[in-house]
Every structure is written in structure tokens, then in C-alpha cells.
Amino acid sequence: MTLEILEKDNQITGVLDGRLDTAASQQFSIDMEPLMNNADKHIVLDCNKLSFISSSGLRLFLSLRKATIAKGGDITITGVSPDVKQVFAITGFYSLFNFK
């Protein structure tokens, strides 16, 4: 699992690639610190290359959502595959995020 962070104007984009499973979530929590530090901005999570997300990964997305709410930013999730979208739907997380 890799996370590439791109910054342009007042938007931060996190490009996720691979499987965000329990094993990868510990490193992802470290890698996403720049996103947490910029939670006052518009954050886009580009999930075109995200092939799987576990409950640990969902927890990290939720932590980022809480940080953006607290700091006045927002999150948009793009490029989610049907399988990953189903995980969001089953867990009730789909309604918590803006998907495009």
C-alpha cells in the first residue's frame, strides 16, 4: 500500500495504491500525517488504485474525517471501485463521506 500526496492551491490529494488492510494500516497512519496536518483544506482521496479496504483502513478514513470537521476542511473520495464502495455501504460509512 502506498500513499502519494500532491498539493495544489488549497487542495491536498492523497493517491492510494494497493490494499489498505490491517497490515498496511499502521504504515498508512504514519503516511497520512500530512493529510491530518492539512485537515483545514479540501482533501481528495484518489482511490482509483485502491483494491481493498479493511475495517482498520475505514477507521483511518474516519479519523481523517473527524480532523477535517474539527478544522473546517472537507474530504472527497474519488475513483472507488464497486468492491470498495460496497465495504463503505455495508459498514454505514458511505453516508459519512462525499463520493465522486
PDB file of N, CA and C in Angstrom:
ATOM      1  N   MET A   1       0.849  -1.174   0.000  1.00  0.00           N
ATOM      2  CA  MET A   1       0.000   0.000   0.000  1.00  0.00           C
ATOM      3  C   MET A   1       0.889   1.229   0.000  1.00  0.00           C
ATOM      4  N   THR A   2       0.633   2.128  -0.934  1.00  0.00           N
ATOM      5  CA  THR A   2       1.376   3.377  -0.962  1.00  0.00           C
ATOM      6  C   THR A   2       0.401   4.545  -0.952  1.00  0.00           C
ATOM      7  N   LEU A   3       0.881   5.658  -0.448  1.00  0.00           N
ATOM      8  CA  LEU A   3       0.123   6.897  -0.433  1.00  0.00           C
ATOM      9  C   LEU A   3       1.028   8.000  -0.957  1.00  0.00           C
ATOM     10  N   GLU A   4       0.626   8.574  -2.084  1.00  0.00           N
ATOM     11  CA  GLU A   4       1.357   9.706  -2.647  1.00  0.00           C
ATOM     12  C   GLU A   4       0.518  10.947  -2.378  1.00  0.00           C
ATOM     13  N   ILE A   5       1.152  11.987  -1.845  1.00  0.00           N
ATOM     14  CA  ILE A   5       0.433  13.210  -1.510  1.00  0.00           C
ATOM     15  C   ILE A   5       0.849  14.316  -2.474  1.00  0.00           C
ATOM     16  N   LEU A   6      -0.153  14.918  -3.099  1.00  0.00           N
ATOM     17  CA  LEU A   6       0.047  16.005  -4.044  1.00  0.00           C
ATOM     18  C   LEU A   6      -0.655  17.244  -3.498  1.00  0.00           C
ATOM     19  N   GLU A   7      -0.007  18.388  -3.636  1.00  0.00           N
ATOM     20  CA  GLU A   7      -0.574  19.627  -3.113  1.00  0.00           C
ATOM     21  C   GLU A   7      -0.673  20.657  -4.224  1.00  0.00           C
ATOM     22  N   LYS A   8      -1.859  21.250  -4.364  1.00  0.00           N
ATOM     23  CA  LYS A   8      -2.071  22.288  -5.365  1.00  0.00           C
ATOM     24  C   LYS A   8      -3.117  23.257  -4.835  1.00  0.00           C
ATOM     25  N   ASP A   9      -2.738  24.539  -4.810  1.00  0.00           N
ATOM     26  CA  ASP A   9      -3.609  25.592  -4.305  1.00  0.00           C
ATOM     27  C   ASP A   9      -4.066  25.230  -2.882  1.00  0.00           C
ATOM     28  N   ASN A  10      -5.362  25.184  -2.674  1.00  0.00           N
ATOM     29  CA  ASN A  10      -5.880  24.881  -1.335  1.00  0.00           C
ATOM     30  C   ASN A  10      -6.403  23.446  -1.271  1.00  0.00           C
ATOM     31  N   GLN A  11      -5.876  22.572  -2.124  1.00  0.00           N
ATOM     32  CA  GLN A  11      -6.328  21.191  -2.168  1.00  0.00           C
ATOM     33  C   GLN A  11      -5.153  20.243  -1.984  1.00  0.00           C
ATOM     34  N   ILE A  12      -5.374  19.230  -1.175  1.00  0.00           N
ATOM     35  CA  ILE A  12      -4.399  18.168  -0.948  1.00  0.00           C
ATOM     36  C   ILE A  12      -5.010  16.881  -1.496  1.00  0.00           C
ATOM     37  N   THR A  13      -4.270  16.182  -2.340  1.00  0.00           N
ATOM     38  CA  THR A  13      -4.755  14.918  -2.885  1.00  0.00           C
ATOM     39  C   THR A  13      -3.874  13.785  -2.385  1.00  0.00           C
ATOM     40  N   GLY A  14      -4.512  12.783  -1.840  1.00  0.00           N
ATOM     41  CA  GLY A  14      -3.826  11.562  -1.428  1.00  0.00           C
ATOM     42  C   GLY A  14      -4.171  10.467  -2.417  1.00  0.00           C
ATOM     43  N   VAL A  15      -3.174   9.947  -3.123  1.00  0.00           N
ATOM     44  CA  VAL A  15      -3.383   8.901  -4.116  1.00  0.00           C
ATOM     45  C   VAL A  15      -3.018   7.566  -3.471  1.00  0.00           C
ATOM     46  N   LEU A  16      -4.026   6.729  -3.265  1.00  0.00           N
ATOM     47  CA  LEU A  16      -3.831   5.435  -2.616  1.00  0.00           C
ATOM     48  C   LEU A  16      -3.644   4.353  -3.669  1.00  0.00           C
ATOM     49  N   ASP A  17      -2.712   3.452  -3.423  1.00  0.00           N
ATOM     50  CA  ASP A  17      -2.422   2.385  -4.376  1.00  0.00           C
ATOM     51  C   ASP A  17      -2.176   1.093  -3.604  1.00  0.00           C
ATOM     52  N   GLY A  18      -3.002   0.080  -3.874  1.00  0.00           N
ATOM     53  CA  GLY A  18      -2.800  -1.215  -3.234  1.00  0.00           C
ATOM     54  C   GLY A  18      -3.944  -1.592  -2.308  1.00  0.00           C
ATOM     55  N   ARG A  19      -3.604  -2.391  -1.303  1.00  0.00           N
ATOM     56  CA  ARG A  19      -4.577  -2.903  -0.337  1.00  0.00           C
ATOM     57  C   ARG A  19      -4.387  -2.204   1.000  1.00  0.00           C
ATOM     58  N   LEU A  20      -5.430  -1.547   1.472  1.00  0.00           N
ATOM     59  CA  LEU A  20      -5.375  -0.922   2.795  1.00  0.00           C
ATOM     60  C   LEU A  20      -5.988  -1.907   3.788  1.00  0.00           C
ATOM     61  N   ASP A  21      -5.193  -2.924   4.109  1.00  0.00           N
ATOM     62  CA  ASP A  21      -5.632  -3.952   5.042  1.00  0.00           C
ATOM     63  C   ASP A  21      -5.025  -3.687   6.415  1.00  0.00           C
ATOM     64  N   THR A  22      -5.254  -4.583   7.338  1.00  0.00           N
ATOM     65  CA  THR A  22      -4.774  -4.402   8.702  1.00  0.00           C
ATOM     66  C   THR A  22      -3.259  -4.263   8.745  1.00  0.00           C
ATOM     67  N   ALA A  23      -2.555  -5.046   7.960  1.00  0.00           N
ATOM     68  CA  ALA A  23      -1.090  -4.988   7.949  1.00  0.00           C
ATOM     69  C   ALA A  23      -0.588  -3.643   7.437  1.00  0.00           C
ATOM     70  N   ALA A  24      -1.255  -3.083   6.445  1.00  0.00           N
ATOM     71  CA  ALA A  24      -0.815  -1.815   5.844  1.00  0.00           C
ATOM     72  C   ALA A  24      -1.296  -0.595   6.621  1.00  0.00           C
ATOM     73  N   SER A  25      -2.283  -0.761   7.474  1.00  0.00           N
ATOM     74  CA  SER A  25      -2.885   0.405   8.132  1.00  0.00           C
ATOM     75  C   SER A  25      -1.930   1.109   9.092  1.00  0.00           C
ATOM     76  N   GLN A  26      -1.032   0.386   9.720  1.00  0.00           N
ATOM     77  CA  GLN A  26      -0.089   1.031  10.637  1.00  0.00           C
ATOM     78  C   GLN A  26       0.821   2.010   9.879  1.00  0.00           C
ATOM     79  N   GLN A  27       1.364   1.582   8.755  1.00  0.00           N
ATOM     80  CA  GLN A  27       2.205   2.472   7.959  1.00  0.00           C
ATOM     81  C   GLN A  27       1.376   3.593   7.335  1.00  0.00           C
ATOM     82  N   PHE A  28       0.156   3.273   6.904  1.00  0.00           N
ATOM     83  CA  PHE A  28      -0.717   4.286   6.314  1.00  0.00           C
ATOM     84  C   PHE A  28      -1.016   5.394   7.323  1.00  0.00           C
ATOM     85  N   SER A  29      -1.196   5.036   8.587  1.00  0.00           N
ATOM     86  CA  SER A  29      -1.474   6.060   9.608  1.00  0.00           C
ATOM     87  C   SER A  29      -0.306   7.027   9.744  1.00  0.00           C
ATOM     88  N   ILE A  30       0.897   6.559   9.533  1.00  0.00           N
ATOM     89  CA  ILE A  30       2.083   7.425   9.550  1.00  0.00           C
ATOM     90  C   ILE A  30       2.139   8.248   8.262  1.00  0.00           C
ATOM     91  N   ASP A  31       1.894   7.584   7.141  1.00  0.00           N
ATOM     92  CA  ASP A  31       1.969   8.250   5.831  1.00  0.00           C
ATOM     93  C   ASP A  31       0.912   9.335   5.665  1.00  0.00           C
ATOM     94  N   MET A  32      -0.216   9.211   6.362  1.00  0.00           N
ATOM     95  CA  MET A  32      -1.292  10.177   6.192  1.00  0.00           C
ATOM     96  C   MET A  32      -1.161  11.408   7.093  1.00  0.00           C
ATOM     97  N   GLU A  33      -0.076  11.505   7.859  1.00  0.00           N
ATOM     98  CA  GLU A  33       0.126  12.674   8.726  1.00  0.00           C
ATOM     99  C   GLU A  33       0.044  13.999   7.968  1.00  0.00           C
ATOM    100  N   PRO A  34       0.627  14.108   6.763  1.00  0.00           N
ATOM    101  CA  PRO A  34       0.473  15.372   6.027  1.00  0.00           C
ATOM    102  C   PRO A  34      -0.990  15.713   5.734  1.00  0.00           C
ATOM    103  N   LEU A  35      -1.814  14.695   5.526  1.00  0.00           N
ATOM    104  CA  LEU A  35      -3.241  14.945   5.325  1.00  0.00           C
ATOM    105  C   LEU A  35      -3.869  15.456   6.613  1.00  0.00           C
ATOM    106  N   MET A  36      -3.539  14.833   7.718  1.00  0.00           N
ATOM    107  CA  MET A  36      -4.063  15.264   9.019  1.00  0.00           C
ATOM    108  C   MET A  36      -3.622  16.693   9.333  1.00  0.00           C
ATOM    109  N   ASN A  37      -2.381  17.018   8.989  1.00  0.00           N
ATOM    110  CA  ASN A  37      -1.855  18.358   9.251  1.00  0.00           C
ATOM    111  C   ASN A  37      -2.506  19.422   8.383  1.00  0.00           C
ATOM    112  N   ASN A  38      -3.124  19.014   7.290  1.00  0.00           N
ATOM    113  CA  ASN A  38      -3.797  19.939   6.372  1.00  0.00           C
ATOM    114  C   ASN A  38      -5.308  19.730   6.375  1.00  0.00           C
ATOM    115  N   ALA A  39      -5.839  19.296   7.484  1.00  0.00           N
ATOM    116  CA  ALA A  39      -7.266  18.993   7.588  1.00  0.00           C
ATOM    117  C   ALA A  39      -8.148  20.227   7.462  1.00  0.00           C
ATOM    118  N   ASP A  40      -7.554  21.409   7.448  1.00  0.00           N
ATOM    119  CA  ASP A  40      -8.322  22.640   7.261  1.00  0.00           C
ATOM    120  C   ASP A  40      -8.565  22.931   5.777  1.00  0.00           C
ATOM    121  N   LYS A  41      -8.045  22.096   4.897  1.00  0.00           N
ATOM    122  CA  LYS A  41      -8.166  22.292   3.452  1.00  0.00           C
ATOM    123  C   LYS A  41      -9.113  21.244   2.857  1.00  0.00           C
ATOM    124  N   HIS A  42      -9.310  21.374   1.553  1.00  0.00           N
ATOM    125  CA  HIS A  42     -10.082  20.358   0.841  1.00  0.00           C
ATOM    126  C   HIS A  42      -9.147  19.191   0.531  1.00  0.00           C
ATOM    127  N   ILE A  43      -9.506  18.012   0.996  1.00  0.00           N
ATOM    128  CA  ILE A  43      -8.700  16.808   0.788  1.00  0.00           C
ATOM    129  C   ILE A  43      -9.442  15.883  -0.168  1.00  0.00           C
ATOM    130  N   VAL A  44      -8.731  15.433  -1.184  1.00  0.00           N
ATOM    131  CA  VAL A  44      -9.270  14.446  -2.115  1.00  0.00           C
ATOM    132  C   VAL A  44      -8.504  13.153  -1.897  1.00  0.00           C
ATOM    133  N   LEU A  45      -9.233  12.080  -1.669  1.00  0.00           N
ATOM    134  CA  LEU A  45      -8.622  10.757  -1.582  1.00  0.00           C
ATOM    135  C   LEU A  45      -8.910  10.044  -2.893  1.00  0.00           C
ATOM    136  N   ASP A  46      -7.882   9.902  -3.714  1.00  0.00           N
ATOM    137  CA  ASP A  46      -7.990   9.265  -5.018  1.00  0.00           C
ATOM    138  C   ASP A  46      -7.804   7.765  -4.825  1.00  0.00           C
ATOM    139  N   CYS A  47      -8.898   7.029  -4.966  1.00  0.00           N
ATOM    140  CA  CYS A  47      -8.882   5.592  -4.692  1.00  0.00           C
ATOM    141  C   CYS A  47      -8.968   4.744  -5.965  1.00  0.00           C
ATOM    142  N   ASN A  48      -8.594   5.320  -7.099  1.00  0.00           N
ATOM    143  CA  ASN A  48      -8.633   4.579  -8.359  1.00  0.00           C
ATOM    144  C   ASN A  48      -7.805   3.297  -8.298  1.00  0.00           C
ATOM    145  N   LYS A  49      -6.721   3.309  -7.541  1.00  0.00           N
ATOM    146  CA  LYS A  49      -5.840   2.141  -7.470  1.00  0.00           C
ATOM    147  C   LYS A  49      -5.950   1.405  -6.137  1.00  0.00           C
ATOM    148  N   LEU A  50      -6.938   1.774  -5.324  1.00  0.00           N
ATOM    149  CA  LEU A  50      -7.171   1.080  -4.050  1.00  0.00           C
ATOM    150  C   LEU A  50      -7.985  -0.173  -4.337  1.00  0.00           C
ATOM    151  N   SER A  51      -7.411  -1.337  -4.075  1.00  0.00           N
ATOM    152  CA  SER A  51      -8.083  -2.585  -4.422  1.00  0.00           C
ATOM    153  C   SER A  51      -8.861  -3.195  -3.265  1.00  0.00           C
ATOM    154  N   PHE A  52      -8.596  -2.753  -2.023  1.00  0.00           N
ATOM    155  CA  PHE A  52      -9.247  -3.348  -0.851  1.00  0.00           C
ATOM    156  C   PHE A  52      -9.111  -2.388   0.312  1.00  0.00           C
ATOM    157  N   ILE A  53     -10.118  -2.354   1.181  1.00  0.00           N
ATOM    158  CA  ILE A  53     -10.024  -1.598   2.424  1.00  0.00           C
ATOM    159  C   ILE A  53     -10.622  -2.444   3.545  1.00  0.00           C
ATOM    160  N   SER A  54      -9.905  -2.537   4.652  1.00  0.00           N
ATOM    161  CA  SER A  54     -10.366  -3.296   5.810  1.00  0.00           C
ATOM    162  C   SER A  54     -10.983  -2.345   6.826  1.00  0.00           C
ATOM    163  N   SER A  55     -11.471  -2.903   7.910  1.00  0.00           N
ATOM    164  CA  SER A  55     -12.034  -2.067   8.979  1.00  0.00           C
ATOM    165  C   SER A  55     -10.971  -1.141   9.567  1.00  0.00           C
ATOM    166  N   SER A  56      -9.728  -1.577   9.577  1.00  0.00           N
ATOM    167  CA  SER A  56      -8.634  -0.719  10.054  1.00  0.00           C
ATOM    168  C   SER A  56      -8.451   0.484   9.133  1.00  0.00           C
ATOM    169  N   GLY A  57      -8.565   0.259   7.845  1.00  0.00           N
ATOM    170  CA  GLY A  57      -8.476   1.351   6.883  1.00  0.00           C
ATOM    171  C   GLY A  57      -9.648   2.305   7.009  1.00  0.00           C
ATOM    172  N   LEU A  58     -10.835   1.759   7.192  1.00  0.00           N
ATOM    173  CA  LEU A  58     -12.015   2.602   7.389  1.00  0.00           C
ATOM    174  C   LEU A  58     -11.854   3.484   8.626  1.00  0.00           C
ATOM    175  N   ARG A  59     -11.284   2.920   9.670  1.00  0.00           N
ATOM    176  CA  ARG A  59     -11.058   3.682  10.903  1.00  0.00           C
ATOM    177  C   ARG A  59     -10.149   4.877  10.638  1.00  0.00           C
ATOM    178  N   LEU A  60      -9.140   4.690   9.809  1.00  0.00           N
ATOM    179  CA  LEU A  60      -8.227   5.788   9.481  1.00  0.00           C
ATOM    180  C   LEU A  60      -8.924   6.856   8.629  1.00  0.00           C
ATOM    181  N   PHE A  61      -9.769   6.432   7.708  1.00  0.00           N
ATOM    182  CA  PHE A  61     -10.559   7.401   6.938  1.00  0.00           C
ATOM    183  C   PHE A  61     -11.454   8.203   7.884  1.00  0.00           C
ATOM    184  N   LEU A  62     -12.054   7.520   8.856  1.00  0.00           N
ATOM    185  CA  LEU A  62     -12.925   8.191   9.818  1.00  0.00           C
ATOM    186  C   LEU A  62     -12.135   9.181  10.682  1.00  0.00           C
ATOM    187  N   SER A  63     -10.927   8.825  11.063  1.00  0.00           N
ATOM    188  CA  SER A  63     -10.070   9.737  11.836  1.00  0.00           C
ATOM    189  C   SER A  63      -9.773  10.998  11.032  1.00  0.00           C
ATOM    190  N   LEU A  64      -9.507  10.828   9.748  1.00  0.00           N
ATOM    191  CA  LEU A  64      -9.253  11.981   8.886  1.00  0.00           C
ATOM    192  C   LEU A  64     -10.513  12.829   8.745  1.00  0.00           C
ATOM    193  N   ARG A  65     -11.656  12.194   8.636  1.00  0.00           N
ATOM    194  CA  ARG A  65     -12.924  12.923   8.543  1.00  0.00           C
ATOM    195  C   ARG A  65     -13.149  13.761   9.802  1.00  0.00           C
ATOM    196  N   LYS A  66     -12.910  13.176  10.960  1.00  0.00           N
ATOM    197  CA  LYS A  66     -13.080  13.907  12.216  1.00  0.00           C
ATOM    198  C   LYS A  66     -12.150  15.111  12.288  1.00  0.00           C
ATOM    199  N   ALA A  67     -10.926  14.939  11.813  1.00  0.00           N
ATOM    200  CA  ALA A  67      -9.960  16.046  11.819  1.00  0.00           C
ATOM    201  C   ALA A  67     -10.418  17.168  10.887  1.00  0.00           C
ATOM    202  N   THR A  68     -10.954  16.823   9.726  1.00  0.00           N
ATOM    203  CA  THR A  68     -11.402  17.866   8.803  1.00  0.00           C
ATOM    204  C   THR A  68     -12.615  18.602   9.354  1.00  0.00           C
ATOM    205  N   ILE A  69     -13.496  17.896  10.010  1.00  0.00           N
ATOM    206  CA  ILE A  69     -14.655  18.553  10.622  1.00  0.00           C
ATOM    207  C   ILE A  69     -14.190  19.530  11.692  1.00  0.00           C
ATOM    208  N   ALA A  70     -13.255  19.105  12.517  1.00  0.00           N
ATOM    209  CA  ALA A  70     -12.755  19.953  13.603  1.00  0.00           C
ATOM    210  C   ALA A  70     -12.023  21.193  13.096  1.00  0.00           C
ATOM    211  N   LYS A  71     -11.353  21.050  11.941  1.00  0.00           N
ATOM    212  CA  LYS A  71     -10.532  22.161  11.436  1.00  0.00           C
ATOM    213  C   LYS A  71     -11.188  22.933  10.290  1.00  0.00           C
ATOM    214  N   GLY A  72     -12.402  22.549   9.899  1.00  0.00           N
ATOM    215  CA  GLY A  72     -13.112  23.285   8.861  1.00  0.00           C
ATOM    216  C   GLY A  72     -12.801  22.877   7.440  1.00  0.00           C
ATOM    217  N   GLY A  73     -12.161  21.754   7.251  1.00  0.00           N
ATOM    218  CA  GLY A  73     -11.880  21.254   5.906  1.00  0.00           C
ATOM    219  C   GLY A  73     -12.955  20.286   5.460  1.00  0.00           C
ATOM    220  N   ASP A  74     -12.709  19.596   4.372  1.00  0.00           N
ATOM    221  CA  ASP A  74     -13.630  18.572   3.911  1.00  0.00           C
ATOM    222  C   ASP A  74     -12.890  17.527   3.085  1.00  0.00           C
ATOM    223  N   ILE A  75     -13.571  16.416   2.850  1.00  0.00           N
ATOM    224  CA  ILE A  75     -12.974  15.289   2.124  1.00  0.00           C
ATOM    225  C   ILE A  75     -13.895  14.880   0.987  1.00  0.00           C
ATOM    226  N   THR A  76     -13.294  14.602  -0.159  1.00  0.00           N
ATOM    227  CA  THR A  76     -13.981  13.973  -1.276  1.00  0.00           C
ATOM    228  C   THR A  76     -13.201  12.710  -1.628  1.00  0.00           C
ATOM    229  N   ILE A  77     -13.932  11.619  -1.810  1.00  0.00           N
ATOM    230  CA  ILE A  77     -13.314  10.349  -2.192  1.00  0.00           C
ATOM    231  C   ILE A  77     -13.675  10.077  -3.645  1.00  0.00           C
ATOM    232  N   THR A  78     -12.661   9.845  -4.477  1.00  0.00           N
ATOM    233  CA  THR A  78     -12.893   9.619  -5.898  1.00  0.00           C
ATOM    234  C   THR A  78     -12.377   8.248  -6.329  1.00  0.00           C
ATOM    235  N   GLY A  79     -12.937   7.753  -7.424  1.00  0.00           N
ATOM    236  CA  GLY A  79     -12.416   6.550  -8.068  1.00  0.00           C
ATOM    237  C   GLY A  79     -12.570   5.269  -7.284  1.00  0.00           C
ATOM    238  N   VAL A  80     -13.600   5.161  -6.475  1.00  0.00           N
ATOM    239  CA  VAL A  80     -13.779   3.965  -5.653  1.00  0.00           C
ATOM    240  C   VAL A  80     -14.369   2.833  -6.502  1.00  0.00           C
ATOM    241  N   SER A  81     -13.745   1.673  -6.426  1.00  0.00           N
ATOM    242  CA  SER A  81     -14.249   0.505  -7.149  1.00  0.00           C
ATOM    243  C   SER A  81     -15.549   0.026  -6.505  1.00  0.00           C
ATOM    244  N   PRO A  82     -16.349  -0.729  -7.244  1.00  0.00           N
ATOM    245  CA  PRO A  82     -17.590  -1.262  -6.663  1.00  0.00           C
ATOM    246  C   PRO A  82     -17.353  -2.102  -5.404  1.00  0.00           C
ATOM    247  N   ASP A  83     -16.276  -2.882  -5.374  1.00  0.00           N
ATOM    248  CA  ASP A  83     -15.993  -3.717  -4.200  1.00  0.00           C
ATOM    249  C   ASP A  83     -15.678  -2.871  -2.971  1.00  0.00           C
ATOM    250  N   VAL A  84     -14.867  -1.836  -3.158  1.00  0.00           N
ATOM    251  CA  VAL A  84     -14.516  -0.963  -2.037  1.00  0.00           C
ATOM    252  C   VAL A  84     -15.746  -0.156  -1.615  1.00  0.00           C
ATOM    253  N   LYS A  85     -16.520   0.301  -2.580  1.00  0.00           N
ATOM    254  CA  LYS A  85     -17.733   1.063  -2.274  1.00  0.00           C
ATOM    255  C   LYS A  85     -18.695   0.207  -1.454  1.00  0.00           C
ATOM    256  N   GLN A  86     -18.755  -1.083  -1.760  1.00  0.00           N
ATOM    257  CA  GLN A  86     -19.636  -1.989  -1.024  1.00  0.00           C
ATOM    258  C   GLN A  86     -19.225  -2.082   0.447  1.00  0.00           C
ATOM    259  N   VAL A  87     -17.930  -2.059   0.728  1.00  0.00           N
ATOM    260  CA  VAL A  87     -17.454  -2.097   2.111  1.00  0.00           C
ATOM    261  C   VAL A  87     -17.936  -0.842   2.852  1.00  0.00           C
ATOM    262  N   PHE A  88     -17.846   0.314   2.188  1.00  0.00           N
ATOM    263  CA  PHE A  88     -18.341   1.545   2.790  1.00  0.00           C
ATOM    264  C   PHE A  88     -19.846   1.453   3.059  1.00  0.00           C
ATOM    265  N   ALA A  89     -20.581   0.889   2.114  1.00  0.00           N
ATOM    266  CA  ALA A  89     -22.031   0.790   2.246  1.00  0.00           C
ATOM    267  C   ALA A  89     -22.435  -0.167   3.361  1.00  0.00           C
ATOM    268  N   ILE A  90     -21.813  -1.328   3.404  1.00  0.00           N
ATOM    269  CA  ILE A  90     -22.163  -2.343   4.403  1.00  0.00           C
ATOM    270  C   ILE A  90     -21.906  -1.844   5.825  1.00  0.00           C
ATOM    271  N   THR A  91     -20.828  -1.093   5.993  1.00  0.00           N
ATOM    272  CA  THR A  91     -20.459  -0.614   7.324  1.00  0.00           C
ATOM    273  C   THR A  91     -21.190   0.667   7.723  1.00  0.00           C
ATOM    274  N   GLY A  92     -21.927   1.262   6.790  1.00  0.00           N
ATOM    275  CA  GLY A  92     -22.623   2.505   7.086  1.00  0.00           C
ATOM    276  C   GLY A  92     -21.756   3.740   6.919  1.00  0.00           C
ATOM    277  N   PHE A  93     -20.543   3.575   6.436  1.00  0.00           N
ATOM    278  CA  PHE A  93     -19.629   4.705   6.260  1.00  0.00           C
ATOM    279  C   PHE A  93     -19.915   5.490   4.980  1.00  0.00           C
ATOM    280  N   TYR A  94     -20.678   4.900   4.060  1.00  0.00           N
ATOM    281  CA  TYR A  94     -20.923   5.559   2.776  1.00  0.00           C
ATOM    282  C   TYR A  94     -21.568   6.930   2.959  1.00  0.00           C
ATOM    283  N   SER A  95     -22.480   7.036   3.896  1.00  0.00           N
ATOM    284  CA  SER A  95     -23.188   8.292   4.116  1.00  0.00           C
ATOM    285  C   SER A  95     -22.330   9.349   4.816  1.00  0.00           C
ATOM    286  N   LEU A  96     -21.176   8.961   5.328  1.00  0.00           N
ATOM    287  CA  LEU A  96     -20.310   9.891   6.055  1.00  0.00           C
ATOM    288  C   LEU A  96     -19.361  10.664   5.152  1.00  0.00           C
ATOM    289  N   PHE A  97     -19.218  10.216   3.907  1.00  0.00           N
ATOM    290  CA  PHE A  97     -18.242  10.805   3.001  1.00  0.00           C
ATOM    291  C   PHE A  97     -18.904  11.268   1.709  1.00  0.00           C
ATOM    292  N   ASN A  98     -18.248  12.211   1.053  1.00  0.00           N
ATOM    293  CA  ASN A  98     -18.673  12.700  -0.250  1.00  0.00           C
ATOM    294  C   ASN A  98     -17.903  11.900  -1.309  1.00  0.00           C
ATOM    295  N   PHE A  99     -18.622  11.123  -2.122  1.00  0.00           N
ATOM    296  CA  PHE A  99     -18.006  10.313  -3.171  1.00  0.00           C
ATOM    297  C   PHE A  99     -18.260  10.945  -4.534  1.00  0.00           C
ATOM    298  N   LYS A 100     -17.242  10.935  -5.384  1.00  0.00           N
ATOM    299  CA  LYS A 100     -17.394  11.385  -6.771  1.00  0.00           C
ATOM    300  C   LYS A 100     -16.777  10.362  -7.691  1.00  0.00           C
TER     301      LYS A 100
END
